[in-house]
């Protein structure tokens, strides 16, 4: 395990692309993260958390355009995103089937 005390985005990106799991601070707690397109990385998150596979995982995206790649987007989502993003907002919407997400990221 490697611990970073300063943010080195290039190193974090390289670790994610290599299928590693990361721990990162959020506004209320720490989160576990991985590349949501890498099956082994997603399975590692489930194992670490002891999470049942019937519960999906969330995806953090940097922009509305990125969210649109994964979700069935509509006018209501656009209105909510415009009003509250950027900011701590979770949107639950149907998966578009695009983006090659690993099994377990999207609930059945």
PDB file of N, CA and C in Angstrom:
ATOM      1  N   UNK A   1       0.851  -1.165   0.000  1.00  0.00           N
ATOM      2  CA  UNK A   1       0.000   0.000   0.000  1.00  0.00           C
ATOM      3  C   UNK A   1       0.901   1.234   0.000  1.00  0.00           C
ATOM      4  N   UNK A   2       0.532   2.203  -0.832  1.00  0.00           N
ATOM      5  CA  UNK A   2       1.263   3.453  -0.906  1.00  0.00           C
ATOM      6  C   UNK A   2       0.393   4.555  -0.326  1.00  0.00           C
ATOM      7  N   UNK A   3       0.966   5.410   0.501  1.00  0.00           N
ATOM      8  CA  UNK A   3       0.212   6.506   1.107  1.00  0.00           C
ATOM      9  C   UNK A   3       0.734   7.821   0.561  1.00  0.00           C
ATOM     10  N   UNK A   4      -0.175   8.637   0.066  1.00  0.00           N
ATOM     11  CA  UNK A   4       0.183   9.954  -0.433  1.00  0.00           C
ATOM     12  C   UNK A   4      -0.259  10.995   0.589  1.00  0.00           C
ATOM     13  N   UNK A   5       0.621  11.880   0.946  1.00  0.00           N
ATOM     14  CA  UNK A   5       0.241  12.940   1.874  1.00  0.00           C
ATOM     15  C   UNK A   5      -0.100  14.226   1.134  1.00  0.00           C
ATOM     16  N   UNK A   6       0.269  14.302  -0.123  1.00  0.00           N
ATOM     17  CA  UNK A   6      -0.095  15.434  -0.965  1.00  0.00           C
ATOM     18  C   UNK A   6      -0.774  14.887  -2.203  1.00  0.00           C
ATOM     19  N   UNK A   7      -1.610  15.676  -2.794  1.00  0.00           N
ATOM     20  CA  UNK A   7      -2.328  15.222  -3.981  1.00  0.00           C
ATOM     21  C   UNK A   7      -1.399  15.206  -5.189  1.00  0.00           C
ATOM     22  N   UNK A   8      -1.195  14.042  -5.744  1.00  0.00           N
ATOM     23  CA  UNK A   8      -0.424  13.872  -6.960  1.00  0.00           C
ATOM     24  C   UNK A   8      -1.372  13.207  -7.959  1.00  0.00           C
ATOM     25  N   UNK A   9      -2.079  14.031  -8.722  1.00  0.00           N
ATOM     26  CA  UNK A   9      -3.124  13.496  -9.598  1.00  0.00           C
ATOM     27  C   UNK A   9      -2.588  12.528 -10.635  1.00  0.00           C
ATOM     28  N   UNK A  10      -1.398  12.770 -11.135  1.00  0.00           N
ATOM     29  CA  UNK A  10      -0.833  11.862 -12.134  1.00  0.00           C
ATOM     30  C   UNK A  10      -0.624  10.469 -11.534  1.00  0.00           C
ATOM     31  N   UNK A  11      -0.138  10.411 -10.308  1.00  0.00           N
ATOM     32  CA  UNK A  11       0.085   9.123  -9.646  1.00  0.00           C
ATOM     33  C   UNK A  11      -1.248   8.446  -9.337  1.00  0.00           C
ATOM     34  N   UNK A  12      -2.217   9.204  -8.850  1.00  0.00           N
ATOM     35  CA  UNK A  12      -3.536   8.631  -8.554  1.00  0.00           C
ATOM     36  C   UNK A  12      -4.156   8.068  -9.828  1.00  0.00           C
ATOM     37  N   UNK A  13      -4.090   8.801 -10.909  1.00  0.00           N
ATOM     38  CA  UNK A  13      -4.625   8.337 -12.182  1.00  0.00           C
ATOM     39  C   UNK A  13      -3.926   7.056 -12.637  1.00  0.00           C
ATOM     40  N   UNK A  14      -2.612   7.013 -12.510  1.00  0.00           N
ATOM     41  CA  UNK A  14      -1.863   5.817 -12.902  1.00  0.00           C
ATOM     42  C   UNK A  14      -2.280   4.612 -12.060  1.00  0.00           C
ATOM     43  N   UNK A  15      -2.478   4.822 -10.771  1.00  0.00           N
ATOM     44  CA  UNK A  15      -2.903   3.735  -9.887  1.00  0.00           C
ATOM     45  C   UNK A  15      -4.295   3.234 -10.279  1.00  0.00           C
ATOM     46  N   UNK A  16      -5.217   4.154 -10.556  1.00  0.00           N
ATOM     47  CA  UNK A  16      -6.562   3.757 -10.980  1.00  0.00           C
ATOM     48  C   UNK A  16      -6.531   2.994 -12.293  1.00  0.00           C
ATOM     49  N   UNK A  17      -5.753   3.481 -13.249  1.00  0.00           N
ATOM     50  CA  UNK A  17      -5.649   2.805 -14.546  1.00  0.00           C
ATOM     51  C   UNK A  17      -5.025   1.425 -14.415  1.00  0.00           C
ATOM     52  N   UNK A  18      -4.215   1.245 -13.379  1.00  0.00           N
ATOM     53  CA  UNK A  18      -3.587  -0.063 -13.135  1.00  0.00           C
ATOM     54  C   UNK A  18      -4.520  -0.997 -12.356  1.00  0.00           C
ATOM     55  N   UNK A  19      -5.749  -0.543 -12.072  1.00  0.00           N
ATOM     56  CA  UNK A  19      -6.708  -1.396 -11.378  1.00  0.00           C
ATOM     57  C   UNK A  19      -6.617  -1.353  -9.872  1.00  0.00           C
ATOM     58  N   UNK A  20      -5.910  -0.379  -9.333  1.00  0.00           N
ATOM     59  CA  UNK A  20      -5.760  -0.268  -7.879  1.00  0.00           C
ATOM     60  C   UNK A  20      -6.995   0.375  -7.256  1.00  0.00           C
ATOM     61  N   UNK A  21      -7.113   0.188  -5.944  1.00  0.00           N
ATOM     62  CA  UNK A  21      -8.171   0.807  -5.156  1.00  0.00           C
ATOM     63  C   UNK A  21      -7.566   1.973  -4.391  1.00  0.00           C
ATOM     64  N   UNK A  22      -8.306   3.073  -4.305  1.00  0.00           N
ATOM     65  CA  UNK A  22      -7.816   4.229  -3.564  1.00  0.00           C
ATOM     66  C   UNK A  22      -8.783   4.569  -2.437  1.00  0.00           C
ATOM     67  N   UNK A  23      -8.282   5.260  -1.443  1.00  0.00           N
ATOM     68  CA  UNK A  23      -9.087   5.793  -0.347  1.00  0.00           C
ATOM     69  C   UNK A  23      -8.942   7.302  -0.434  1.00  0.00           C
ATOM     70  N   UNK A  24     -10.074   8.013  -0.356  1.00  0.00           N
ATOM     71  CA  UNK A  24     -10.018   9.463  -0.498  1.00  0.00           C
ATOM     72  C   UNK A  24     -11.009  10.123   0.458  1.00  0.00           C
ATOM     73  N   UNK A  25     -10.673  11.327   0.921  1.00  0.00           N
ATOM     74  CA  UNK A  25     -11.582  12.027   1.835  1.00  0.00           C
ATOM     75  C   UNK A  25     -12.739  12.660   1.066  1.00  0.00           C
ATOM     76  N   UNK A  26     -13.908  12.665   1.694  1.00  0.00           N
ATOM     77  CA  UNK A  26     -15.062  13.386   1.173  1.00  0.00           C
ATOM     78  C   UNK A  26     -15.439  14.425   2.228  1.00  0.00           C
ATOM     79  N   UNK A  27     -16.538  15.139   2.014  1.00  0.00           N
ATOM     80  CA  UNK A  27     -16.898  16.164   2.986  1.00  0.00           C
ATOM     81  C   UNK A  27     -17.349  15.584   4.328  1.00  0.00           C
ATOM     82  N   UNK A  28     -17.717  14.302   4.381  1.00  0.00           N
ATOM     83  CA  UNK A  28     -18.191  13.726   5.642  1.00  0.00           C
ATOM     84  C   UNK A  28     -17.422  12.487   6.107  1.00  0.00           C
ATOM     85  N   UNK A  29     -16.761  11.782   5.206  1.00  0.00           N
ATOM     86  CA  UNK A  29     -16.063  10.552   5.584  1.00  0.00           C
ATOM     87  C   UNK A  29     -15.023  10.234   4.517  1.00  0.00           C
ATOM     88  N   UNK A  30     -14.504   9.034   4.558  1.00  0.00           N
ATOM     89  CA  UNK A  30     -13.578   8.581   3.520  1.00  0.00           C
ATOM     90  C   UNK A  30     -14.310   7.653   2.567  1.00  0.00           C
ATOM     91  N   UNK A  31     -13.915   7.684   1.308  1.00  0.00           N
ATOM     92  CA  UNK A  31     -14.517   6.823   0.318  1.00  0.00           C
ATOM     93  C   UNK A  31     -13.490   5.881  -0.274  1.00  0.00           C
ATOM     94  N   UNK A  32     -13.967   4.789  -0.824  1.00  0.00           N
ATOM     95  CA  UNK A  32     -13.123   3.870  -1.577  1.00  0.00           C
ATOM     96  C   UNK A  32     -13.413   4.113  -3.046  1.00  0.00           C
ATOM     97  N   UNK A  33     -12.379   4.097  -3.862  1.00  0.00           N
ATOM     98  CA  UNK A  33     -12.577   4.339  -5.276  1.00  0.00           C
ATOM     99  C   UNK A  33     -11.762   3.405  -6.139  1.00  0.00           C
ATOM    100  N   UNK A  34     -12.232   3.234  -7.364  1.00  0.00           N
ATOM    101  CA  UNK A  34     -11.522   2.438  -8.351  1.00  0.00           C
ATOM    102  C   UNK A  34     -12.042   2.835  -9.725  1.00  0.00           C
ATOM    103  N   UNK A  35     -11.444   2.285 -10.756  1.00  0.00           N
ATOM    104  CA  UNK A  35     -11.924   2.478 -12.113  1.00  0.00           C
ATOM    105  C   UNK A  35     -13.156   1.585 -12.273  1.00  0.00           C
ATOM    106  N   UNK A  36     -14.298   2.200 -12.483  1.00  0.00           N
ATOM    107  CA  UNK A  36     -15.567   1.465 -12.549  1.00  0.00           C
ATOM    108  C   UNK A  36     -15.690   0.584 -13.778  1.00  0.00           C
ATOM    109  N   UNK A  37     -14.717   0.620 -14.673  1.00  0.00           N
ATOM    110  CA  UNK A  37     -14.738  -0.252 -15.851  1.00  0.00           C
ATOM    111  C   UNK A  37     -13.854  -1.483 -15.661  1.00  0.00           C
ATOM    112  N   UNK A  38     -13.166  -1.579 -14.545  1.00  0.00           N
ATOM    113  CA  UNK A  38     -12.267  -2.712 -14.289  1.00  0.00           C
ATOM    114  C   UNK A  38     -12.925  -3.674 -13.294  1.00  0.00           C
ATOM    115  N   UNK A  39     -13.298  -4.847 -13.783  1.00  0.00           N
ATOM    116  CA  UNK A  39     -14.040  -5.822 -12.982  1.00  0.00           C
ATOM    117  C   UNK A  39     -13.320  -6.215 -11.703  1.00  0.00           C
ATOM    118  N   UNK A  40     -12.036  -6.508 -11.769  1.00  0.00           N
ATOM    119  CA  UNK A  40     -11.295  -6.929 -10.574  1.00  0.00           C
ATOM    120  C   UNK A  40     -11.264  -5.817  -9.528  1.00  0.00           C
ATOM    121  N   UNK A  41     -11.157  -4.580  -9.975  1.00  0.00           N
ATOM    122  CA  UNK A  41     -11.127  -3.448  -9.047  1.00  0.00           C
ATOM    123  C   UNK A  41     -12.479  -3.288  -8.354  1.00  0.00           C
ATOM    124  N   UNK A  42     -13.557  -3.440  -9.103  1.00  0.00           N
ATOM    125  CA  UNK A  42     -14.904  -3.340  -8.526  1.00  0.00           C
ATOM    126  C   UNK A  42     -15.123  -4.474  -7.521  1.00  0.00           C
ATOM    127  N   UNK A  43     -14.705  -5.678  -7.859  1.00  0.00           N
ATOM    128  CA  UNK A  43     -14.849  -6.807  -6.937  1.00  0.00           C
ATOM    129  C   UNK A  43     -14.046  -6.578  -5.665  1.00  0.00           C
ATOM    130  N   UNK A  44     -12.892  -5.921  -5.774  1.00  0.00           N
ATOM    131  CA  UNK A  44     -12.077  -5.622  -4.602  1.00  0.00           C
ATOM    132  C   UNK A  44     -12.822  -4.662  -3.661  1.00  0.00           C
ATOM    133  N   UNK A  45     -13.533  -3.686  -4.210  1.00  0.00           N
ATOM    134  CA  UNK A  45     -14.323  -2.763  -3.383  1.00  0.00           C
ATOM    135  C   UNK A  45     -15.371  -3.546  -2.590  1.00  0.00           C
ATOM    136  N   UNK A  46     -16.081  -4.454  -3.273  1.00  0.00           N
ATOM    137  CA  UNK A  46     -17.081  -5.274  -2.580  1.00  0.00           C
ATOM    138  C   UNK A  46     -16.444  -6.085  -1.455  1.00  0.00           C
ATOM    139  N   UNK A  47     -15.288  -6.656  -1.720  1.00  0.00           N
ATOM    140  CA  UNK A  47     -14.617  -7.484  -0.719  1.00  0.00           C
ATOM    141  C   UNK A  47     -14.173  -6.643   0.476  1.00  0.00           C
ATOM    142  N   UNK A  48     -13.549  -5.504   0.217  1.00  0.00           N
ATOM    143  CA  UNK A  48     -13.082  -4.639   1.307  1.00  0.00           C
ATOM    144  C   UNK A  48     -14.243  -4.206   2.185  1.00  0.00           C
ATOM    145  N   UNK A  49     -15.342  -3.825   1.571  1.00  0.00           N
ATOM    146  CA  UNK A  49     -16.495  -3.316   2.325  1.00  0.00           C
ATOM    147  C   UNK A  49     -17.354  -4.427   2.920  1.00  0.00           C
ATOM    148  N   UNK A  50     -17.164  -5.664   2.454  1.00  0.00           N
ATOM    149  CA  UNK A  50     -18.047  -6.739   2.882  1.00  0.00           C
ATOM    150  C   UNK A  50     -19.464  -6.484   2.403  1.00  0.00           C
ATOM    151  N   UNK A  51     -19.573  -5.871   1.259  1.00  0.00           N
ATOM    152  CA  UNK A  51     -20.861  -5.434   0.714  1.00  0.00           C
ATOM    153  C   UNK A  51     -21.499  -6.549  -0.112  1.00  0.00           C
ATOM    154  N   UNK A  52     -22.789  -6.720   0.038  1.00  0.00           N
ATOM    155  CA  UNK A  52     -23.498  -7.711  -0.751  1.00  0.00           C
ATOM    156  C   UNK A  52     -23.553  -7.258  -2.210  1.00  0.00           C
ATOM    157  N   UNK A  53     -23.458  -8.190  -3.115  1.00  0.00           N
ATOM    158  CA  UNK A  53     -23.424  -7.852  -4.537  1.00  0.00           C
ATOM    159  C   UNK A  53     -24.774  -7.410  -5.085  1.00  0.00           C
ATOM    160  N   UNK A  54     -25.805  -7.485  -4.258  1.00  0.00           N
ATOM    161  CA  UNK A  54     -27.108  -6.994  -4.714  1.00  0.00           C
ATOM    162  C   UNK A  54     -27.216  -5.474  -4.576  1.00  0.00           C
ATOM    163  N   UNK A  55     -26.247  -4.856  -3.903  1.00  0.00           N
ATOM    164  CA  UNK A  55     -26.226  -3.398  -3.745  1.00  0.00           C
ATOM    165  C   UNK A  55     -25.214  -2.823  -4.738  1.00  0.00           C
ATOM    166  N   UNK A  56     -25.676  -1.939  -5.576  1.00  0.00           N
ATOM    167  CA  UNK A  56     -24.775  -1.353  -6.578  1.00  0.00           C
ATOM    168  C   UNK A  56     -23.837  -0.345  -5.934  1.00  0.00           C
ATOM    169  N   UNK A  57     -22.854   0.082  -6.694  1.00  0.00           N
ATOM    170  CA  UNK A  57     -21.902   1.104  -6.257  1.00  0.00           C
ATOM    171  C   UNK A  57     -22.227   2.422  -6.943  1.00  0.00           C
ATOM    172  N   UNK A  58     -21.768   3.507  -6.370  1.00  0.00           N
ATOM    173  CA  UNK A  58     -21.976   4.787  -7.027  1.00  0.00           C
ATOM    174  C   UNK A  58     -20.763   5.140  -7.875  1.00  0.00           C
ATOM    175  N   UNK A  59     -20.975   6.036  -8.800  1.00  0.00           N
ATOM    176  CA  UNK A  59     -19.896   6.528  -9.651  1.00  0.00           C
ATOM    177  C   UNK A  59     -19.797   8.028  -9.449  1.00  0.00           C
ATOM    178  N   UNK A  60     -18.598   8.518  -9.203  1.00  0.00           N
ATOM    179  CA  UNK A  60     -18.356   9.947  -9.090  1.00  0.00           C
ATOM    180  C   UNK A  60     -17.817  10.415 -10.439  1.00  0.00           C
ATOM    181  N   UNK A  61     -18.463  11.421 -10.986  1.00  0.00           N
ATOM    182  CA  UNK A  61     -18.046  11.949 -12.290  1.00  0.00           C
ATOM    183  C   UNK A  61     -17.689  13.423 -12.157  1.00  0.00           C
ATOM    184  N   UNK A  62     -16.795  13.910 -13.011  1.00  0.00           N
ATOM    185  CA  UNK A  62     -16.335  15.296 -12.882  1.00  0.00           C
ATOM    186  C   UNK A  62     -17.212  16.338 -13.567  1.00  0.00           C
ATOM    187  N   UNK A  63     -18.177  15.896 -14.360  1.00  0.00           N
ATOM    188  CA  UNK A  63     -18.960  16.870 -15.121  1.00  0.00           C
ATOM    189  C   UNK A  63     -20.300  16.279 -15.545  1.00  0.00           C
ATOM    190  N   UNK A  64     -21.201  17.175 -15.946  1.00  0.00           N
ATOM    191  CA  UNK A  64     -22.492  16.742 -16.479  1.00  0.00           C
ATOM    192  C   UNK A  64     -22.282  15.929 -17.748  1.00  0.00           C
ATOM    193  N   UNK A  65     -21.371  16.362 -18.586  1.00  0.00           N
ATOM    194  CA  UNK A  65     -21.111  15.622 -19.830  1.00  0.00           C
ATOM    195  C   UNK A  65     -20.689  14.187 -19.545  1.00  0.00           C
ATOM    196  N   UNK A  66     -19.889  13.998 -18.510  1.00  0.00           N
ATOM    197  CA  UNK A  66     -19.465  12.639 -18.147  1.00  0.00           C
ATOM    198  C   UNK A  66     -20.656  11.831 -17.619  1.00  0.00           C
ATOM    199  N   UNK A  67     -21.522  12.441 -16.823  1.00  0.00           N
ATOM    200  CA  UNK A  67     -22.714  11.757 -16.322  1.00  0.00           C
ATOM    201  C   UNK A  67     -23.603  11.315 -17.476  1.00  0.00           C
ATOM    202  N   UNK A  68     -23.698  12.152 -18.487  1.00  0.00           N
ATOM    203  CA  UNK A  68     -24.543  11.840 -19.645  1.00  0.00           C
ATOM    204  C   UNK A  68     -24.063  10.604 -20.398  1.00  0.00           C
ATOM    205  N   UNK A  69     -22.784  10.258 -20.255  1.00  0.00           N
ATOM    206  CA  UNK A  69     -22.243   9.066 -20.912  1.00  0.00           C
ATOM    207  C   UNK A  69     -22.831   7.792 -20.314  1.00  0.00           C
ATOM    208  N   UNK A  70     -23.222   7.847 -19.041  1.00  0.00           N
ATOM    209  CA  UNK A  70     -23.649   6.653 -18.331  1.00  0.00           C
ATOM    210  C   UNK A  70     -25.146   6.577 -18.058  1.00  0.00           C
ATOM    211  N   UNK A  71     -25.816   7.708 -18.031  1.00  0.00           N
ATOM    212  CA  UNK A  71     -27.223   7.742 -17.624  1.00  0.00           C
ATOM    213  C   UNK A  71     -28.157   8.000 -18.790  1.00  0.00           C
ATOM    214  N   UNK A  72     -29.383   7.515 -18.650  1.00  0.00           N
ATOM    215  CA  UNK A  72     -30.448   7.904 -19.566  1.00  0.00           C
ATOM    216  C   UNK A  72     -30.809   9.324 -19.133  1.00  0.00           C
ATOM    217  N   UNK A  73     -30.401  10.302 -19.919  1.00  0.00           N
ATOM    218  CA  UNK A  73     -30.519  11.708 -19.544  1.00  0.00           C
ATOM    219  C   UNK A  73     -31.843  12.273 -20.032  1.00  0.00           C
ATOM    220  N   UNK A  74     -32.433  13.156 -19.227  1.00  0.00           N
ATOM    221  CA  UNK A  74     -33.685  13.781 -19.632  1.00  0.00           C
ATOM    222  C   UNK A  74     -33.724  15.229 -19.144  1.00  0.00           C
ATOM    223  N   UNK A  75     -34.794  15.932 -19.441  1.00  0.00           N
ATOM    224  CA  UNK A  75     -34.903  17.349 -19.088  1.00  0.00           C
ATOM    225  C   UNK A  75     -34.870  17.584 -17.577  1.00  0.00           C
ATOM    226  N   UNK A  76     -35.503  16.684 -16.804  1.00  0.00           N
ATOM    227  CA  UNK A  76     -35.497  16.840 -15.349  1.00  0.00           C
ATOM    228  C   UNK A  76     -34.081  16.719 -14.794  1.00  0.00           C
ATOM    229  N   UNK A  77     -33.336  15.718 -15.252  1.00  0.00           N
ATOM    230  CA  UNK A  77     -31.950  15.571 -14.794  1.00  0.00           C
ATOM    231  C   UNK A  77     -31.129  16.798 -15.182  1.00  0.00           C
ATOM    232  N   UNK A  78     -31.357  17.319 -16.363  1.00  0.00           N
ATOM    233  CA  UNK A  78     -30.632  18.506 -16.810  1.00  0.00           C
ATOM    234  C   UNK A  78     -30.922  19.695 -15.887  1.00  0.00           C
ATOM    235  N   UNK A  79     -32.170  19.867 -15.520  1.00  0.00           N
ATOM    236  CA  UNK A  79     -32.571  20.967 -14.648  1.00  0.00           C
ATOM    237  C   UNK A  79     -31.938  20.820 -13.258  1.00  0.00           C
ATOM    238  N   UNK A  80     -31.983  19.611 -12.705  1.00  0.00           N
ATOM    239  CA  UNK A  80     -31.390  19.357 -11.383  1.00  0.00           C
ATOM    240  C   UNK A  80     -29.880  19.567 -11.426  1.00  0.00           C
ATOM    241  N   UNK A  81     -29.234  19.032 -12.444  1.00  0.00           N
ATOM    242  CA  UNK A  81     -27.782  19.167 -12.561  1.00  0.00           C
ATOM    243  C   UNK A  81     -27.376  20.632 -12.706  1.00  0.00           C
ATOM    244  N   UNK A  82     -28.117  21.363 -13.503  1.00  0.00           N
ATOM    245  CA  UNK A  82     -27.802  22.778 -13.714  1.00  0.00           C
ATOM    246  C   UNK A  82     -27.923  23.560 -12.407  1.00  0.00           C
ATOM    247  N   UNK A  83     -28.910  23.228 -11.601  1.00  0.00           N
ATOM    248  CA  UNK A  83     -29.145  23.949 -10.350  1.00  0.00           C
ATOM    249  C   UNK A  83     -28.133  23.576  -9.258  1.00  0.00           C
ATOM    250  N   UNK A  84     -27.780  22.285  -9.138  1.00  0.00           N
ATOM    251  CA  UNK A  84     -27.014  21.826  -7.983  1.00  0.00           C
ATOM    252  C   UNK A  84     -25.563  21.427  -8.266  1.00  0.00           C
ATOM    253  N   UNK A  85     -25.191  21.209  -9.505  1.00  0.00           N
ATOM    254  CA  UNK A  85     -23.798  20.833  -9.798  1.00  0.00           C
ATOM    255  C   UNK A  85     -23.033  22.045 -10.267  1.00  0.00           C
ATOM    256  N   UNK A  86     -21.792  22.239  -9.915  1.00  0.00           N
ATOM    257  CA  UNK A  86     -21.047  21.316  -9.049  1.00  0.00           C
ATOM    258  C   UNK A  86     -21.502  21.440  -7.602  1.00  0.00           C
ATOM    259  N   UNK A  87     -21.441  20.342  -6.915  1.00  0.00           N
ATOM    260  CA  UNK A  87     -21.850  20.288  -5.523  1.00  0.00           C
ATOM    261  C   UNK A  87     -22.178  18.870  -5.131  1.00  0.00           C
ATOM    262  N   UNK A  88     -22.436  18.641  -3.838  1.00  0.00           N
ATOM    263  CA  UNK A  88     -22.699  17.293  -3.340  1.00  0.00           C
ATOM    264  C   UNK A  88     -24.122  16.837  -3.651  1.00  0.00           C
ATOM    265  N   UNK A  89     -24.322  16.359  -4.848  1.00  0.00           N
ATOM    266  CA  UNK A  89     -25.632  15.883  -5.288  1.00  0.00           C
ATOM    267  C   UNK A  89     -25.488  14.478  -5.835  1.00  0.00           C
ATOM    268  N   UNK A  90     -26.325  13.579  -5.377  1.00  0.00           N
ATOM    269  CA  UNK A  90     -26.365  12.224  -5.917  1.00  0.00           C
ATOM    270  C   UNK A  90     -27.603  12.099  -6.784  1.00  0.00           C
ATOM    271  N   UNK A  91     -27.396  11.623  -8.007  1.00  0.00           N
ATOM    272  CA  UNK A  91     -28.507  11.378  -8.916  1.00  0.00           C
ATOM    273  C   UNK A  91     -28.622   9.873  -9.124  1.00  0.00           C
ATOM    274  N   UNK A  92     -29.824   9.355  -8.969  1.00  0.00           N
ATOM    275  CA  UNK A  92     -30.098   7.947  -9.245  1.00  0.00           C
ATOM    276  C   UNK A  92     -30.962   7.918 -10.494  1.00  0.00           C
ATOM    277  N   UNK A  93     -30.448   7.278 -11.538  1.00  0.00           N
ATOM    278  CA  UNK A  93     -31.153   7.240 -12.821  1.00  0.00           C
ATOM    279  C   UNK A  93     -30.783   5.955 -13.543  1.00  0.00           C
ATOM    280  N   UNK A  94     -31.572   5.578 -14.536  1.00  0.00           N
ATOM    281  CA  UNK A  94     -31.263   4.355 -15.285  1.00  0.00           C
ATOM    282  C   UNK A  94     -29.932   4.459 -16.030  1.00  0.00           C
ATOM    283  N   UNK A  95     -29.220   3.339 -16.056  1.00  0.00           N
ATOM    284  CA  UNK A  95     -27.962   3.218 -16.796  1.00  0.00           C
ATOM    285  C   UNK A  95     -28.275   3.163 -18.286  1.00  0.00           C
ATOM    286  N   UNK A  96     -27.516   3.908 -19.072  1.00  0.00           N
ATOM    287  CA  UNK A  96     -27.737   3.966 -20.520  1.00  0.00           C
ATOM    288  C   UNK A  96     -27.207   2.735 -21.246  1.00  0.00           C
ATOM    289  N   UNK A  97     -26.380   1.947 -20.567  1.00  0.00           N
ATOM    290  CA  UNK A  97     -25.761   0.793 -21.215  1.00  0.00           C
ATOM    291  C   UNK A  97     -24.444   1.138 -21.887  1.00  0.00           C
ATOM    292  N   UNK A  98     -24.059   2.384 -21.818  1.00  0.00           N
ATOM    293  CA  UNK A  98     -22.810   2.849 -22.436  1.00  0.00           C
ATOM    294  C   UNK A  98     -21.714   2.924 -21.375  1.00  0.00           C
ATOM    295  N   UNK A  99     -20.467   2.927 -21.809  1.00  0.00           N
ATOM    296  CA  UNK A  99     -19.356   3.149 -20.885  1.00  0.00           C
ATOM    297  C   UNK A  99     -18.682   1.908 -20.371  1.00  0.00           C
ATOM    298  N   UNK A 100     -19.138   0.723 -20.739  1.00  0.00           N
ATOM    299  CA  UNK A 100     -18.476  -0.529 -20.336  1.00  0.00           C
ATOM    300  C   UNK A 100     -18.249  -0.648 -18.836  1.00  0.00           C
ATOM    301  N   UNK A 101     -19.238  -0.333 -18.046  1.00  0.00           N
ATOM    302  CA  UNK A 101     -19.091  -0.443 -16.602  1.00  0.00           C
ATOM    303  C   UNK A 101     -19.010  -1.908 -16.183  1.00  0.00           C
ATOM    304  N   UNK A 102     -18.209  -2.166 -15.155  1.00  0.00           N
ATOM    305  CA  UNK A 102     -18.047  -3.522 -14.641  1.00  0.00           C
ATOM    306  C   UNK A 102     -19.338  -4.001 -13.995  1.00  0.00           C
ATOM    307  N   UNK A 103     -19.520  -5.327 -13.975  1.00  0.00           N
ATOM    308  CA  UNK A 103     -20.682  -5.902 -13.291  1.00  0.00           C
ATOM    309  C   UNK A 103     -20.594  -5.547 -11.817  1.00  0.00           C
ATOM    310  N   UNK A 104     -21.717  -5.195 -11.233  1.00  0.00           N
ATOM    311  CA  UNK A 104     -21.756  -4.807  -9.832  1.00  0.00           C
ATOM    312  C   UNK A 104     -21.831  -3.312  -9.624  1.00  0.00           C
ATOM    313  N   UNK A 105     -21.417  -2.557 -10.625  1.00  0.00           N
ATOM    314  CA  UNK A 105     -21.531  -1.102 -10.522  1.00  0.00           C
ATOM    315  C   UNK A 105     -22.984  -0.700 -10.704  1.00  0.00           C
ATOM    316  N   UNK A 106     -23.668  -1.365 -11.601  1.00  0.00           N
ATOM    317  CA  UNK A 106     -25.071  -1.068 -11.896  1.00  0.00           C
ATOM    318  C   UNK A 106     -25.927  -2.180 -11.309  1.00  0.00           C
ATOM    319  N   UNK A 107     -26.986  -1.799 -10.584  1.00  0.00           N
ATOM    320  CA  UNK A 107     -27.866  -2.814 -10.030  1.00  0.00           C
ATOM    321  C   UNK A 107     -28.679  -3.477 -11.134  1.00  0.00           C
ATOM    322  N   UNK A 108     -29.051  -4.703 -10.903  1.00  0.00           N
ATOM    323  CA  UNK A 108     -29.803  -5.462 -11.907  1.00  0.00           C
ATOM    324  C   UNK A 108     -31.241  -5.025 -11.959  1.00  0.00           C
TER     325      UNK A 108
END
